[in-house]
Structure formats: structure tokens, C-alpha cells
Amino acid sequence: MALYRHHRSFGLRIHATLLLDQVKKIVIFTVVLLYSAFAKAQCAMCRAVIESDGSNAEAEGLNNGITYLMIFPYLLVGGIIYMIYRSTTRKKLN
């Protein structure tokens, strides 16, 4: 009933560690998901305020600017995660 073939001798302790890692991943994913929903709601509020003046072009520009600025942190974090993943897989192969 081992999750990994090379960890069979550690028994239940390794399973608890792996389970804790999974729980951490789920909690982090949930926090990020909820935070992004909150940020999207704020962008909608800004857009609604701009649209109340009757200028739809300014609202579109503001929305596009917010989207443009939000892309770069995700790209940076994604790049860092990819570099960490690549370095750990190379270490495992060697």
C-alpha cells in the first residue's frame, strides 16, 4: 500500500508527509483562487464606475490596462516554478 516503490520501508510516516504536502497544495490553490475572484470583482467595480459616466471607450481601456498589468506577475511566478521543476527533474535523473 505504498505510494512510491522506494519508500515502502518507511510505512505510515511517509504517507502522512505526502498527505500533508497534498493538503498544502490544496490550501494554496484555494487561497489563490479566492484572491483572484476578489481581484476580478474589484476590476468590475472600477469598470462600472467609469461606465456610469457614459464613456465605454475609457472603460475598455481601463479594463485592458488592468488585464495587461495582471499578466506579468503570473508569467514571472510561472517561470520561476518552471525553473524549479526543471532543476529538480534534472537532479532526479542524475
N, C-alpha and C. Protein backbone atom coordinates (compact mmCIF):
# COMPACT_ATOMS: atom_id res chain seq x y z
N MET A 1 0.82 -1.18 0.00
CA MET A 1 0.00 0.00 0.00
C MET A 1 0.87 1.25 0.00
N ALA A 2 2.07 1.14 -0.47
CA ALA A 2 2.96 2.30 -0.51
C ALA A 2 2.66 3.13 -1.75
N LEU A 3 2.83 4.44 -1.61
CA LEU A 3 2.61 5.33 -2.74
C LEU A 3 3.78 5.31 -3.71
N TYR A 4 4.96 5.19 -3.20
CA TYR A 4 6.15 5.12 -4.03
C TYR A 4 6.87 3.81 -3.73
N ARG A 5 7.40 3.21 -4.75
CA ARG A 5 8.03 1.92 -4.59
C ARG A 5 9.26 1.99 -3.68
N HIS A 6 10.04 3.05 -3.76
CA HIS A 6 11.26 3.14 -2.97
C HIS A 6 11.03 3.64 -1.55
N HIS A 7 9.80 3.89 -1.14
CA HIS A 7 9.51 4.35 0.22
C HIS A 7 8.73 3.30 1.02
N ARG A 8 8.72 2.08 0.61
CA ARG A 8 7.90 1.08 1.28
C ARG A 8 8.33 0.84 2.72
N SER A 9 9.58 0.95 3.02
CA SER A 9 10.05 0.61 4.36
C SER A 9 9.71 1.67 5.40
N PHE A 10 9.35 2.87 4.99
CA PHE A 10 9.07 3.93 5.96
C PHE A 10 7.66 3.85 6.52
N GLY A 11 6.79 3.15 5.87
CA GLY A 11 5.47 2.90 6.40
C GLY A 11 4.57 4.11 6.44
N LEU A 12 3.87 4.26 7.55
CA LEU A 12 2.82 5.27 7.67
C LEU A 12 3.37 6.69 7.75
N ARG A 13 4.57 6.87 8.25
CA ARG A 13 5.13 8.21 8.40
C ARG A 13 5.29 8.90 7.05
N ILE A 14 5.73 8.20 6.05
CA ILE A 14 5.91 8.81 4.74
C ILE A 14 4.55 9.14 4.11
N HIS A 15 3.54 8.33 4.40
CA HIS A 15 2.20 8.62 3.88
C HIS A 15 1.65 9.90 4.49
N ALA A 16 1.89 10.11 5.77
CA ALA A 16 1.42 11.34 6.42
C ALA A 16 2.12 12.56 5.83
N THR A 17 3.40 12.44 5.53
CA THR A 17 4.14 13.54 4.93
C THR A 17 3.61 13.85 3.54
N LEU A 18 3.36 12.82 2.75
CA LEU A 18 2.81 13.03 1.41
C LEU A 18 1.41 13.61 1.47
N LEU A 19 0.62 13.18 2.43
CA LEU A 19 -0.73 13.71 2.59
C LEU A 19 -0.67 15.18 3.00
N LEU A 20 0.25 15.53 3.88
CA LEU A 20 0.42 16.91 4.30
C LEU A 20 0.82 17.79 3.12
N ASP A 21 1.67 17.29 2.25
CA ASP A 21 2.05 18.04 1.05
C ASP A 21 0.84 18.27 0.15
N GLN A 22 -0.01 17.28 0.01
CA GLN A 22 -1.22 17.43 -0.81
C GLN A 22 -2.17 18.45 -0.20
N VAL A 23 -2.31 18.43 1.12
CA VAL A 23 -3.18 19.38 1.80
C VAL A 23 -2.65 20.80 1.61
N LYS A 24 -1.34 20.98 1.71
CA LYS A 24 -0.74 22.30 1.49
C LYS A 24 -1.04 22.80 0.08
N LYS A 25 -0.91 21.93 -0.90
CA LYS A 25 -1.19 22.32 -2.28
C LYS A 25 -2.65 22.74 -2.45
N ILE A 26 -3.55 22.01 -1.84
CA ILE A 26 -4.98 22.33 -1.96
C ILE A 26 -5.28 23.66 -1.29
N VAL A 27 -4.70 23.91 -0.12
CA VAL A 27 -4.93 25.17 0.59
C VAL A 27 -4.39 26.34 -0.21
N ILE A 28 -3.19 26.21 -0.74
CA ILE A 28 -2.60 27.29 -1.54
C ILE A 28 -3.44 27.55 -2.78
N PHE A 29 -3.88 26.50 -3.45
CA PHE A 29 -4.72 26.65 -4.64
C PHE A 29 -6.02 27.37 -4.30
N THR A 30 -6.64 27.01 -3.18
CA THR A 30 -7.90 27.64 -2.78
C THR A 30 -7.70 29.11 -2.46
N VAL A 31 -6.63 29.45 -1.76
CA VAL A 31 -6.36 30.85 -1.43
C VAL A 31 -6.13 31.67 -2.69
N VAL A 32 -5.35 31.14 -3.62
CA VAL A 32 -5.10 31.86 -4.87
C VAL A 32 -6.39 32.01 -5.67
N LEU A 33 -7.20 30.98 -5.69
CA LEU A 33 -8.46 31.04 -6.43
C LEU A 33 -9.39 32.09 -5.83
N LEU A 34 -9.51 32.12 -4.51
CA LEU A 34 -10.38 33.11 -3.87
C LEU A 34 -9.84 34.52 -4.03
N TYR A 35 -8.53 34.69 -3.95
CA TYR A 35 -7.94 36.01 -4.10
C TYR A 35 -8.14 36.54 -5.51
N SER A 36 -8.01 35.67 -6.51
CA SER A 36 -8.20 36.14 -7.89
C SER A 36 -9.66 36.52 -8.14
N ALA A 37 -10.60 35.83 -7.50
CA ALA A 37 -12.01 36.21 -7.65
C ALA A 37 -12.26 37.58 -7.03
N PHE A 38 -11.62 37.86 -5.91
CA PHE A 38 -11.75 39.17 -5.26
C PHE A 38 -11.15 40.26 -6.15
N ALA A 39 -10.01 39.99 -6.76
CA ALA A 39 -9.36 40.98 -7.63
C ALA A 39 -10.22 41.24 -8.87
N LYS A 40 -10.82 40.21 -9.40
CA LYS A 40 -11.68 40.38 -10.58
C LYS A 40 -12.90 41.22 -10.23
N ALA A 41 -13.44 41.05 -9.04
CA ALA A 41 -14.59 41.85 -8.62
C ALA A 41 -14.21 43.31 -8.52
N GLN A 42 -13.01 43.60 -8.04
CA GLN A 42 -12.57 44.99 -7.94
C GLN A 42 -12.44 45.60 -9.33
N CYS A 43 -11.93 44.86 -10.28
CA CYS A 43 -11.81 45.38 -11.64
C CYS A 43 -13.19 45.68 -12.22
N ALA A 44 -14.16 44.83 -11.92
CA ALA A 44 -15.52 45.07 -12.41
C ALA A 44 -16.11 46.33 -11.78
N MET A 45 -15.78 46.58 -10.52
CA MET A 45 -16.27 47.80 -9.86
C MET A 45 -15.67 49.04 -10.49
N CYS A 46 -14.38 49.01 -10.77
CA CYS A 46 -13.74 50.16 -11.43
C CYS A 46 -14.38 50.41 -12.79
N ARG A 47 -14.61 49.34 -13.51
CA ARG A 47 -15.20 49.47 -14.84
C ARG A 47 -16.62 50.04 -14.74
N ALA A 48 -17.38 49.61 -13.74
CA ALA A 48 -18.75 50.11 -13.58
C ALA A 48 -18.76 51.60 -13.28
N VAL A 49 -17.80 52.06 -12.48
CA VAL A 49 -17.72 53.49 -12.16
C VAL A 49 -17.40 54.29 -13.42
N ILE A 50 -16.48 53.80 -14.22
CA ILE A 50 -16.11 54.51 -15.45
C ILE A 50 -17.29 54.51 -16.43
N GLU A 51 -18.00 53.38 -16.54
CA GLU A 51 -19.12 53.29 -17.48
C GLU A 51 -20.29 54.16 -17.06
N SER A 52 -20.39 54.49 -15.78
CA SER A 52 -21.51 55.31 -15.33
C SER A 52 -21.45 56.72 -15.92
N ASP A 53 -20.26 57.16 -16.34
CA ASP A 53 -20.12 58.46 -16.99
C ASP A 53 -20.58 58.41 -18.45
N GLY A 54 -20.78 57.25 -18.99
CA GLY A 54 -21.25 57.11 -20.36
C GLY A 54 -20.14 56.91 -21.39
N SER A 55 -18.89 56.84 -20.97
CA SER A 55 -17.80 56.64 -21.93
C SER A 55 -17.34 55.19 -21.87
N ASN A 56 -17.78 54.41 -22.82
CA ASN A 56 -17.45 52.99 -22.87
C ASN A 56 -16.00 52.77 -23.30
N ALA A 57 -15.45 53.68 -24.11
CA ALA A 57 -14.07 53.52 -24.58
C ALA A 57 -13.08 53.62 -23.42
N GLU A 58 -13.33 54.52 -22.48
CA GLU A 58 -12.44 54.64 -21.32
C GLU A 58 -12.52 53.40 -20.44
N ALA A 59 -13.71 52.83 -20.32
CA ALA A 59 -13.87 51.62 -19.52
C ALA A 59 -13.13 50.45 -20.16
N GLU A 60 -13.21 50.34 -21.48
CA GLU A 60 -12.48 49.27 -22.18
C GLU A 60 -10.97 49.45 -22.01
N GLY A 61 -10.51 50.68 -22.12
CA GLY A 61 -9.08 50.95 -21.94
C GLY A 61 -8.61 50.62 -20.54
N LEU A 62 -9.40 50.98 -19.55
CA LEU A 62 -9.05 50.67 -18.16
C LEU A 62 -9.02 49.17 -17.94
N ASN A 63 -10.00 48.47 -18.45
CA ASN A 63 -10.06 47.02 -18.29
C ASN A 63 -8.89 46.34 -18.99
N ASN A 64 -8.55 46.79 -20.19
CA ASN A 64 -7.41 46.21 -20.90
C ASN A 64 -6.10 46.49 -20.16
N GLY A 65 -5.97 47.68 -19.60
CA GLY A 65 -4.77 48.01 -18.83
C GLY A 65 -4.62 47.15 -17.60
N ILE A 66 -5.71 46.92 -16.90
CA ILE A 66 -5.67 46.08 -15.70
C ILE A 66 -5.29 44.65 -16.08
N THR A 67 -5.87 44.14 -17.15
CA THR A 67 -5.54 42.79 -17.61
C THR A 67 -4.08 42.70 -18.01
N TYR A 68 -3.58 43.70 -18.70
CA TYR A 68 -2.18 43.73 -19.13
C TYR A 68 -1.25 43.73 -17.92
N LEU A 69 -1.56 44.51 -16.91
CA LEU A 69 -0.71 44.57 -15.73
C LEU A 69 -0.78 43.29 -14.89
N MET A 70 -1.89 42.57 -14.95
CA MET A 70 -2.04 41.35 -14.18
C MET A 70 -1.30 40.17 -14.80
N ILE A 71 -0.98 40.24 -16.07
CA ILE A 71 -0.34 39.11 -16.75
C ILE A 71 1.09 38.90 -16.26
N PHE A 72 1.84 39.96 -16.05
CA PHE A 72 3.26 39.83 -15.76
C PHE A 72 3.58 39.12 -14.44
N PRO A 73 2.89 39.38 -13.34
CA PRO A 73 3.20 38.59 -12.14
C PRO A 73 2.96 37.09 -12.34
N TYR A 74 1.91 36.74 -13.07
CA TYR A 74 1.65 35.33 -13.33
C TYR A 74 2.74 34.72 -14.20
N LEU A 75 3.21 35.46 -15.19
CA LEU A 75 4.30 34.96 -16.03
C LEU A 75 5.59 34.78 -15.22
N LEU A 76 5.89 35.73 -14.35
CA LEU A 76 7.10 35.62 -13.53
C LEU A 76 7.02 34.42 -12.58
N VAL A 77 5.91 34.28 -11.90
CA VAL A 77 5.75 33.15 -10.97
C VAL A 77 5.77 31.83 -11.73
N GLY A 78 5.10 31.79 -12.87
CA GLY A 78 5.11 30.58 -13.68
C GLY A 78 6.50 30.22 -14.16
N GLY A 79 7.28 31.22 -14.56
CA GLY A 79 8.66 30.98 -14.99
C GLY A 79 9.52 30.46 -13.86
N ILE A 80 9.35 31.02 -12.67
CA ILE A 80 10.13 30.56 -11.51
C ILE A 80 9.75 29.12 -11.16
N ILE A 81 8.47 28.82 -11.18
CA ILE A 81 8.02 27.45 -10.88
C ILE A 81 8.56 26.48 -11.92
N TYR A 82 8.56 26.87 -13.18
CA TYR A 82 9.09 26.01 -14.23
C TYR A 82 10.58 25.77 -14.04
N MET A 83 11.33 26.81 -13.68
CA MET A 83 12.77 26.65 -13.46
C MET A 83 13.05 25.72 -12.28
N ILE A 84 12.26 25.84 -11.21
CA ILE A 84 12.43 24.95 -10.06
C ILE A 84 12.09 23.52 -10.45
N TYR A 85 11.01 23.34 -11.19
CA TYR A 85 10.61 22.00 -11.64
C TYR A 85 11.69 21.38 -12.52
N ARG A 86 12.23 22.17 -13.44
CA ARG A 86 13.25 21.66 -14.35
C ARG A 86 14.52 21.28 -13.59
N SER A 87 14.91 22.08 -12.61
CA SER A 87 16.12 21.76 -11.86
C SER A 87 15.94 20.52 -10.99
N THR A 88 14.74 20.33 -10.43
CA THR A 88 14.53 19.13 -9.61
C THR A 88 14.45 17.87 -10.46
N THR A 89 13.89 17.96 -11.65
CA THR A 89 13.84 16.77 -12.51
C THR A 89 15.22 16.42 -13.03
N ARG A 90 16.06 17.41 -13.27
CA ARG A 90 17.43 17.12 -13.70
C ARG A 90 18.22 16.45 -12.58
N LYS A 91 17.99 16.88 -11.34
CA LYS A 91 18.69 16.27 -10.21
C LYS A 91 18.25 14.82 -10.04
N LYS A 92 16.97 14.54 -10.27
CA LYS A 92 16.48 13.17 -10.13
C LYS A 92 17.05 12.26 -11.20
N LEU A 93 17.26 12.79 -12.41
CA LEU A 93 17.81 11.99 -13.50
C LEU A 93 19.28 11.68 -13.29
N ASN A 94 19.99 12.57 -12.62
CA ASN A 94 21.43 12.35 -12.38
C ASN A 94 21.59 11.53 -11.16
